[in-house]
PDB file of N, CA and C in Angstrom:
ATOM      1  N   UNK A   1      75.933 116.801  85.425  1.00  0.00           N
ATOM      2  CA  UNK A   1      77.414 116.016  86.111  1.00  0.00           C
ATOM      3  C   UNK A   1      77.120 117.017  87.899  1.00  0.00           C
ATOM      4  N   UNK A   2      76.530 116.540  88.846  1.00  0.00           N
ATOM      5  CA  UNK A   2      76.728 117.593  90.151  1.00  0.00           C
ATOM      6  C   UNK A   2      77.998 117.452  90.394  1.00  0.00           C
ATOM      7  N   UNK A   3      78.466 118.480  91.213  1.00  0.00           N
ATOM      8  CA  UNK A   3      80.405 118.137  91.634  1.00  0.00           C
ATOM      9  C   UNK A   3      80.420 117.558  93.109  1.00  0.00           C
ATOM     10  N   UNK A   4      80.599 116.582  93.839  1.00  0.00           N
ATOM     11  CA  UNK A   4      81.252 116.656  94.291  1.00  0.00           C
ATOM     12  C   UNK A   4      82.021 116.308  95.275  1.00  0.00           C
ATOM     13  N   UNK A   5      82.071 116.925  96.405  1.00  0.00           N
ATOM     14  CA  UNK A   5      83.270 117.185  97.414  1.00  0.00           C
ATOM     15  C   UNK A   5      83.950 115.485  97.960  1.00  0.00           C
ATOM     16  N   UNK A   6      85.043 115.985  97.558  1.00  0.00           N
ATOM     17  CA  UNK A   6      85.594 114.230  98.089  1.00  0.00           C
ATOM     18  C   UNK A   6      85.683 113.727  99.658  1.00  0.00           C
ATOM     19  N   UNK A   7      86.129 115.053 100.300  1.00  0.00           N
ATOM     20  CA  UNK A   7      86.449 114.869 101.872  1.00  0.00           C
ATOM     21  C   UNK A   7      84.851 114.881 102.339  1.00  0.00           C
ATOM     22  N   UNK A   8      83.570 115.157 101.885  1.00  0.00           N
ATOM     23  CA  UNK A   8      82.340 114.408 102.011  1.00  0.00           C
ATOM     24  C   UNK A   8      81.886 113.595 101.844  1.00  0.00           C
ATOM     25  N   UNK A   9      82.109 112.984 103.056  1.00  0.00           N
ATOM     26  CA  UNK A   9      81.862 110.875 103.256  1.00  0.00           C
ATOM     27  C   UNK A   9      80.341 110.674 102.365  1.00  0.00           C
ATOM     28  N   UNK A  10      79.503 111.586 102.747  1.00  0.00           N
ATOM     29  CA  UNK A  10      77.913 111.205 102.141  1.00  0.00           C
ATOM     30  C   UNK A  10      77.868 112.055 102.066  1.00  0.00           C
ATOM     31  N   UNK A  11      76.738 112.531 100.619  1.00  0.00           N
ATOM     32  CA  UNK A  11      76.107 113.930 100.589  1.00  0.00           C
ATOM     33  C   UNK A  11      74.764 114.052 101.891  1.00  0.00           C
ATOM     34  N   UNK A  12      74.536 114.986 101.708  1.00  0.00           N
ATOM     35  CA  UNK A  12      73.436 115.289 103.058  1.00  0.00           C
ATOM     36  C   UNK A  12      73.671 114.601 104.206  1.00  0.00           C
ATOM     37  N   UNK A  13      74.080 113.936 104.569  1.00  0.00           N
ATOM     38  CA  UNK A  13      74.729 113.572 105.872  1.00  0.00           C
ATOM     39  C   UNK A  13      75.614 114.394 106.537  1.00  0.00           C
ATOM     40  N   UNK A  14      75.325 114.504 107.975  1.00  0.00           N
ATOM     41  CA  UNK A  14      76.125 115.867 108.800  1.00  0.00           C
ATOM     42  C   UNK A  14      76.397 114.815 110.036  1.00  0.00           C
ATOM     43  N   UNK A  15      77.617 115.353 110.785  1.00  0.00           N
ATOM     44  CA  UNK A  15      77.178 114.816 112.122  1.00  0.00           C
ATOM     45  C   UNK A  15      77.216 113.863 111.859  1.00  0.00           C
ATOM     46  N   UNK A  16      77.177 113.140 113.552  1.00  0.00           N
ATOM     47  CA  UNK A  16      76.742 111.680 114.198  1.00  0.00           C
ATOM     48  C   UNK A  16      75.875 110.799 112.827  1.00  0.00           C
ATOM     49  N   UNK A  17      75.278 111.231 112.189  1.00  0.00           N
ATOM     50  CA  UNK A  17      74.736 110.504 110.552  1.00  0.00           C
ATOM     51  C   UNK A  17      75.280 109.747 109.977  1.00  0.00           C
ATOM     52  N   UNK A  18      77.101 110.511 109.692  1.00  0.00           N
ATOM     53  CA  UNK A  18      77.816 109.730 108.959  1.00  0.00           C
ATOM     54  C   UNK A  18      78.661 108.756 109.732  1.00  0.00           C
ATOM     55  N   UNK A  19      79.075 107.494 109.515  1.00  0.00           N
ATOM     56  CA  UNK A  19      80.039 106.071 110.646  1.00  0.00           C
ATOM     57  C   UNK A  19      80.989 107.169 110.598  1.00  0.00           C
ATOM     58  N   UNK A  20      81.210 106.505 112.249  1.00  0.00           N
ATOM     59  CA  UNK A  20      82.974 107.043 112.624  1.00  0.00           C
ATOM     60  C   UNK A  20      83.750 106.804 111.615  1.00  0.00           C
ATOM     61  N   UNK A  21      83.264 105.518 110.910  1.00  0.00           N
ATOM     62  CA  UNK A  21      85.089 105.066 109.993  1.00  0.00           C
ATOM     63  C   UNK A  21      84.909 105.534 108.943  1.00  0.00           C
ATOM     64  N   UNK A  22      83.532 106.064 108.495  1.00  0.00           N
ATOM     65  CA  UNK A  22      83.547 107.049 107.726  1.00  0.00           C
ATOM     66  C   UNK A  22      84.314 108.331 107.710  1.00  0.00           C
ATOM     67  N   UNK A  23      83.799 108.983 108.698  1.00  0.00           N
ATOM     68  CA  UNK A  23      84.703 110.023 109.198  1.00  0.00           C
ATOM     69  C   UNK A  23      86.532 109.154 109.831  1.00  0.00           C
ATOM     70  N   UNK A  24      86.815 109.194 110.120  1.00  0.00           N
ATOM     71  CA  UNK A  24      88.017 108.461 110.419  1.00  0.00           C
ATOM     72  C   UNK A  24      88.448 108.509 108.511  1.00  0.00           C
ATOM     73  N   UNK A  25      88.073 107.725 107.417  1.00  0.00           N
ATOM     74  CA  UNK A  25      88.725 107.433 106.334  1.00  0.00           C
ATOM     75  C   UNK A  25      89.176 109.564 105.422  1.00  0.00           C
ATOM     76  N   UNK A  26      87.720 109.862 105.538  1.00  0.00           N
ATOM     77  CA  UNK A  26      87.803 111.394 105.025  1.00  0.00           C
ATOM     78  C   UNK A  26      89.179 112.161 105.974  1.00  0.00           C
ATOM     79  N   UNK A  27      89.481 111.481 107.269  1.00  0.00           N
ATOM     80  CA  UNK A  27      90.692 112.609 107.847  1.00  0.00           C
ATOM     81  C   UNK A  27      92.120 111.610 107.415  1.00  0.00           C
ATOM     82  N   UNK A  28      91.843 110.842 107.291  1.00  0.00           N
ATOM     83  CA  UNK A  28      92.988 110.246 106.348  1.00  0.00           C
ATOM     84  C   UNK A  28      93.395 110.710 105.321  1.00  0.00           C
ATOM     85  N   UNK A  29      92.426 109.797 104.246  1.00  0.00           N
ATOM     86  CA  UNK A  29      92.720 110.779 103.554  1.00  0.00           C
ATOM     87  C   UNK A  29      93.153 111.536 102.372  1.00  0.00           C
ATOM     88  N   UNK A  30      92.818 113.017 103.345  1.00  0.00           N
ATOM     89  CA  UNK A  30      93.222 114.456 103.040  1.00  0.00           C
ATOM     90  C   UNK A  30      94.356 114.573 103.637  1.00  0.00           C
ATOM     91  N   UNK A  31      94.791 113.622 104.543  1.00  0.00           N
ATOM     92  CA  UNK A  31      95.936 113.746 105.421  1.00  0.00           C
ATOM     93  C   UNK A  31      97.237 113.154 104.330  1.00  0.00           C
ATOM     94  N   UNK A  32      96.509 111.993 103.589  1.00  0.00           N
ATOM     95  CA  UNK A  32      97.416 110.846 102.631  1.00  0.00           C
ATOM     96  C   UNK A  32      97.570 111.370 101.756  1.00  0.00           C
ATOM     97  N   UNK A  33      95.916 112.307 101.107  1.00  0.00           N
ATOM     98  CA  UNK A  33      96.742 113.088  99.224  1.00  0.00           C
ATOM     99  C   UNK A  33      97.542 114.104 100.099  1.00  0.00           C
ATOM    100  N   UNK A  34      96.990 114.742 100.483  1.00  0.00           N
ATOM    101  CA  UNK A  34      98.035 116.332 100.903  1.00  0.00           C
ATOM    102  C   UNK A  34     100.265 116.303 101.044  1.00  0.00           C
ATOM    103  N   UNK A  35      99.969 115.222 101.990  1.00  0.00           N
ATOM    104  CA  UNK A  35     100.926 114.669 102.294  1.00  0.00           C
ATOM    105  C   UNK A  35     101.413 114.130 101.085  1.00  0.00           C
ATOM    106  N   UNK A  36     100.989 113.457  99.749  1.00  0.00           N
ATOM    107  CA  UNK A  36     101.897 112.901  98.859  1.00  0.00           C
ATOM    108  C   UNK A  36     102.016 113.260  97.924  1.00  0.00           C
ATOM    109  N   UNK A  37     103.077 112.910  97.184  1.00  0.00           N
ATOM    110  CA  UNK A  37     103.438 113.694  95.841  1.00  0.00           C
ATOM    111  C   UNK A  37     101.954 113.098  95.089  1.00  0.00           C
ATOM    112  N   UNK A  38     102.256 114.336  94.378  1.00  0.00           N
ATOM    113  CA  UNK A  38     100.823 113.934  92.686  1.00  0.00           C
ATOM    114  C   UNK A  38     101.590 114.325  91.770  1.00  0.00           C
ATOM    115  N   UNK A  39     101.693 113.715  90.633  1.00  0.00           N
ATOM    116  CA  UNK A  39     101.386 114.324  89.318  1.00  0.00           C
ATOM    117  C   UNK A  39     101.720 116.043  88.966  1.00  0.00           C
ATOM    118  N   UNK A  40     100.358 116.820  89.267  1.00  0.00           N
ATOM    119  CA  UNK A  40     100.189 117.784  89.026  1.00  0.00           C
ATOM    120  C   UNK A  40     100.701 119.147  90.346  1.00  0.00           C
ATOM    121  N   UNK A  41     101.672 118.305  91.359  1.00  0.00           N
ATOM    122  CA  UNK A  41     102.203 119.021  92.377  1.00  0.00           C
ATOM    123  C   UNK A  41     102.553 118.284  93.318  1.00  0.00           C
ATOM    124  N   UNK A  42     104.191 119.093  94.039  1.00  0.00           N
ATOM    125  CA  UNK A  42     104.896 118.569  95.295  1.00  0.00           C
ATOM    126  C   UNK A  42     104.406 118.035  96.099  1.00  0.00           C
ATOM    127  N   UNK A  43     104.631 117.203  96.811  1.00  0.00           N
ATOM    128  CA  UNK A  43     103.999 116.214  98.491  1.00  0.00           C
ATOM    129  C   UNK A  43     103.854 118.176  99.293  1.00  0.00           C
ATOM    130  N   UNK A  44     102.853 118.159 100.107  1.00  0.00           N
ATOM    131  CA  UNK A  44     102.565 119.699 100.596  1.00  0.00           C
ATOM    132  C   UNK A  44     103.490 119.087 102.092  1.00  0.00           C
ATOM    133  N   UNK A  45     103.668 117.675 102.335  1.00  0.00           N
ATOM    134  CA  UNK A  45     103.925 117.380 103.570  1.00  0.00           C
ATOM    135  C   UNK A  45     103.476 117.171 104.893  1.00  0.00           C
ATOM    136  N   UNK A  46     103.646 116.401 105.658  1.00  0.00           N
ATOM    137  CA  UNK A  46     102.768 116.214 106.710  1.00  0.00           C
ATOM    138  C   UNK A  46     102.402 117.858 107.861  1.00  0.00           C
ATOM    139  N   UNK A  47     103.425 118.598 108.259  1.00  0.00           N
ATOM    140  CA  UNK A  47     102.871 119.192 108.018  1.00  0.00           C
ATOM    141  C   UNK A  47     101.480 119.926 107.956  1.00  0.00           C
ATOM    142  N   UNK A  48     101.862 120.929 106.687  1.00  0.00           N
ATOM    143  CA  UNK A  48     100.913 121.771 105.470  1.00  0.00           C
ATOM    144  C   UNK A  48      99.554 120.964 105.747  1.00  0.00           C
ATOM    145  N   UNK A  49      99.565 119.466 105.898  1.00  0.00           N
ATOM    146  CA  UNK A  49      98.351 119.031 105.585  1.00  0.00           C
ATOM    147  C   UNK A  49      97.831 119.041 106.815  1.00  0.00           C
ATOM    148  N   UNK A  50      98.562 118.418 107.756  1.00  0.00           N
ATOM    149  CA  UNK A  50      97.852 118.619 109.036  1.00  0.00           C
ATOM    150  C   UNK A  50      97.786 120.312 109.999  1.00  0.00           C
ATOM    151  N   UNK A  51      98.063 120.902 109.519  1.00  0.00           N
ATOM    152  CA  UNK A  51      97.353 122.418 109.111  1.00  0.00           C
ATOM    153  C   UNK A  51      95.991 122.410 108.485  1.00  0.00           C
ATOM    154  N   UNK A  52      95.747 121.984 107.002  1.00  0.00           N
ATOM    155  CA  UNK A  52      95.155 122.001 106.764  1.00  0.00           C
ATOM    156  C   UNK A  52      93.763 121.271 106.821  1.00  0.00           C
ATOM    157  N   UNK A  53      94.302 120.152 107.703  1.00  0.00           N
ATOM    158  CA  UNK A  53      93.477 119.564 108.657  1.00  0.00           C
ATOM    159  C   UNK A  53      92.305 119.694 109.221  1.00  0.00           C
ATOM    160  N   UNK A  54      93.454 120.615 110.365  1.00  0.00           N
ATOM    161  CA  UNK A  54      93.130 121.562 112.353  1.00  0.00           C
ATOM    162  C   UNK A  54      91.667 122.634 111.117  1.00  0.00           C
ATOM    163  N   UNK A  55      92.540 122.868 110.282  1.00  0.00           N
ATOM    164  CA  UNK A  55      91.645 123.860 109.728  1.00  0.00           C
ATOM    165  C   UNK A  55      90.510 123.580 109.081  1.00  0.00           C
ATOM    166  N   UNK A  56      90.006 122.530 108.925  1.00  0.00           N
ATOM    167  CA  UNK A  56      88.882 121.939 108.701  1.00  0.00           C
ATOM    168  C   UNK A  56      87.617 121.431 109.818  1.00  0.00           C
ATOM    169  N   UNK A  57      89.056 121.398 110.399  1.00  0.00           N
ATOM    170  CA  UNK A  57      88.462 120.434 111.701  1.00  0.00           C
ATOM    171  C   UNK A  57      86.941 121.305 112.700  1.00  0.00           C
ATOM    172  N   UNK A  58      85.383 120.084 112.477  1.00  0.00           N
ATOM    173  CA  UNK A  58      83.832 121.023 112.617  1.00  0.00           C
ATOM    174  C   UNK A  58      83.799 121.359 111.724  1.00  0.00           C
ATOM    175  N   UNK A  59      84.309 121.847 110.685  1.00  0.00           N
ATOM    176  CA  UNK A  59      83.359 123.065 108.997  1.00  0.00           C
ATOM    177  C   UNK A  59      83.224 121.376 108.390  1.00  0.00           C
ATOM    178  N   UNK A  60      85.026 120.660 107.641  1.00  0.00           N
ATOM    179  CA  UNK A  60      84.339 119.405 106.815  1.00  0.00           C
ATOM    180  C   UNK A  60      85.213 118.320 107.135  1.00  0.00           C
ATOM    181  N   UNK A  61      85.447 118.628 108.098  1.00  0.00           N
ATOM    182  CA  UNK A  61      86.001 117.352 109.042  1.00  0.00           C
ATOM    183  C   UNK A  61      85.762 116.872 110.548  1.00  0.00           C
ATOM    184  N   UNK A  62      85.632 115.653 111.040  1.00  0.00           N
ATOM    185  CA  UNK A  62      84.865 115.675 112.573  1.00  0.00           C
ATOM    186  C   UNK A  62      86.356 115.940 113.299  1.00  0.00           C
ATOM    187  N   UNK A  63      85.658 117.443 114.322  1.00  0.00           N
ATOM    188  CA  UNK A  63      86.812 117.688 115.163  1.00  0.00           C
ATOM    189  C   UNK A  63      87.626 116.348 116.035  1.00  0.00           C
ATOM    190  N   UNK A  64      86.717 115.421 116.517  1.00  0.00           N
ATOM    191  CA  UNK A  64      86.970 114.678 117.713  1.00  0.00           C
ATOM    192  C   UNK A  64      88.001 113.775 116.951  1.00  0.00           C
ATOM    193  N   UNK A  65      88.452 113.512 116.024  1.00  0.00           N
ATOM    194  CA  UNK A  65      88.708 112.044 114.405  1.00  0.00           C
ATOM    195  C   UNK A  65      89.985 113.244 114.352  1.00  0.00           C
ATOM    196  N   UNK A  66      90.258 114.749 113.725  1.00  0.00           N
ATOM    197  CA  UNK A  66      90.983 115.937 113.587  1.00  0.00           C
ATOM    198  C   UNK A  66      92.286 115.403 114.822  1.00  0.00           C
ATOM    199  N   UNK A  67      91.436 115.572 116.396  1.00  0.00           N
ATOM    200  CA  UNK A  67      92.380 115.489 117.155  1.00  0.00           C
ATOM    201  C   UNK A  67      92.863 114.467 117.327  1.00  0.00           C
ATOM    202  N   UNK A  68      92.639 113.422 117.070  1.00  0.00           N
ATOM    203  CA  UNK A  68      92.700 112.165 117.254  1.00  0.00           C
ATOM    204  C   UNK A  68      93.900 111.922 116.532  1.00  0.00           C
ATOM    205  N   UNK A  69      93.603 112.020 115.277  1.00  0.00           N
ATOM    206  CA  UNK A  69      95.134 111.904 114.321  1.00  0.00           C
ATOM    207  C   UNK A  69      95.815 113.271 114.888  1.00  0.00           C
ATOM    208  N   UNK A  70      95.775 113.983 115.090  1.00  0.00           N
ATOM    209  CA  UNK A  70      96.923 114.942 115.081  1.00  0.00           C
ATOM    210  C   UNK A  70      97.834 114.264 116.907  1.00  0.00           C
ATOM    211  N   UNK A  71      96.951 113.964 117.969  1.00  0.00           N
ATOM    212  CA  UNK A  71      97.167 112.611 118.790  1.00  0.00           C
ATOM    213  C   UNK A  71      98.224 111.499 117.977  1.00  0.00           C
ATOM    214  N   UNK A  72      98.489 110.912 116.973  1.00  0.00           N
ATOM    215  CA  UNK A  72      98.633 109.855 116.915  1.00  0.00           C
ATOM    216  C   UNK A  72      99.961 110.415 115.638  1.00  0.00           C
ATOM    217  N   UNK A  73     100.099 111.578 115.628  1.00  0.00           N
ATOM    218  CA  UNK A  73     100.954 112.189 114.606  1.00  0.00           C
ATOM    219  C   UNK A  73     102.066 112.240 115.800  1.00  0.00           C
ATOM    220  N   UNK A  74     101.601 113.209 116.677  1.00  0.00           N
ATOM    221  CA  UNK A  74     102.748 113.313 117.984  1.00  0.00           C
ATOM    222  C   UNK A  74     102.805 112.220 118.797  1.00  0.00           C
ATOM    223  N   UNK A  75     102.630 111.554 118.683  1.00  0.00           N
ATOM    224  CA  UNK A  75     103.091 109.984 119.526  1.00  0.00           C
ATOM    225  C   UNK A  75     103.989 109.277 118.511  1.00  0.00           C
ATOM    226  N   UNK A  76     104.114 109.383 117.169  1.00  0.00           N
ATOM    227  CA  UNK A  76     105.188 108.829 116.465  1.00  0.00           C
ATOM    228  C   UNK A  76     103.889 107.573 116.278  1.00  0.00           C
ATOM    229  N   UNK A  77     102.699 107.239 116.159  1.00  0.00           N
ATOM    230  CA  UNK A  77     101.919 105.997 115.820  1.00  0.00           C
ATOM    231  C   UNK A  77     101.712 106.281 114.493  1.00  0.00           C
ATOM    232  N   UNK A  78     101.926 106.718 113.488  1.00  0.00           N
ATOM    233  CA  UNK A  78     101.672 106.882 112.600  1.00  0.00           C
ATOM    234  C   UNK A  78     103.265 107.931 111.636  1.00  0.00           C
ATOM    235  N   UNK A  79     103.828 106.622 110.529  1.00  0.00           N
ATOM    236  CA  UNK A  79     104.993 107.249 109.445  1.00  0.00           C
ATOM    237  C   UNK A  79     104.009 107.009 108.207  1.00  0.00           C
ATOM    238  N   UNK A  80     103.973 107.709 107.357  1.00  0.00           N
ATOM    239  CA  UNK A  80     103.909 107.986 105.804  1.00  0.00           C
ATOM    240  C   UNK A  80     105.112 108.002 104.709  1.00  0.00           C
ATOM    241  N   UNK A  81     106.428 107.851 105.594  1.00  0.00           N
ATOM    242  CA  UNK A  81     107.311 107.820 104.840  1.00  0.00           C
ATOM    243  C   UNK A  81     107.743 106.380 104.784  1.00  0.00           C
ATOM    244  N   UNK A  82     107.592 105.328 105.291  1.00  0.00           N
ATOM    245  CA  UNK A  82     107.366 103.855 105.507  1.00  0.00           C
ATOM    246  C   UNK A  82     106.664 103.113 104.252  1.00  0.00           C
ATOM    247  N   UNK A  83     107.327 101.752 103.777  1.00  0.00           N
ATOM    248  CA  UNK A  83     106.774 101.213 102.235  1.00  0.00           C
ATOM    249  C   UNK A  83     106.035 100.506 102.935  1.00  0.00           C
ATOM    250  N   UNK A  84     104.909 100.397 102.663  1.00  0.00           N
ATOM    251  CA  UNK A  84     104.113  99.368 103.135  1.00  0.00           C
ATOM    252  C   UNK A  84     103.683  98.725 102.304  1.00  0.00           C
ATOM    253  N   UNK A  85     103.969  98.619 100.792  1.00  0.00           N
ATOM    254  CA  UNK A  85     103.790  97.219 100.143  1.00  0.00           C
ATOM    255  C   UNK A  85     105.250  97.286  99.420  1.00  0.00           C
TER     256      UNK A  85
END
């Protein structure tokens, strides 16, 4: 079985070959996963998640999407604490 990398939306594609929507979802999923509690580890928190995403900007995550994500958090437009369901 081939090992996959969940943060890469499509194997073999790079940069603008990957749909913008997929690049946005990769960043959102990364932040959500890292900042949420998992059975095997405690939540890392939003600050640590954003640091990890920032560290991967341009390599693992689209740099412009990461910057937009950071601006959204800084402006208070994102709330991971509320219960949407």
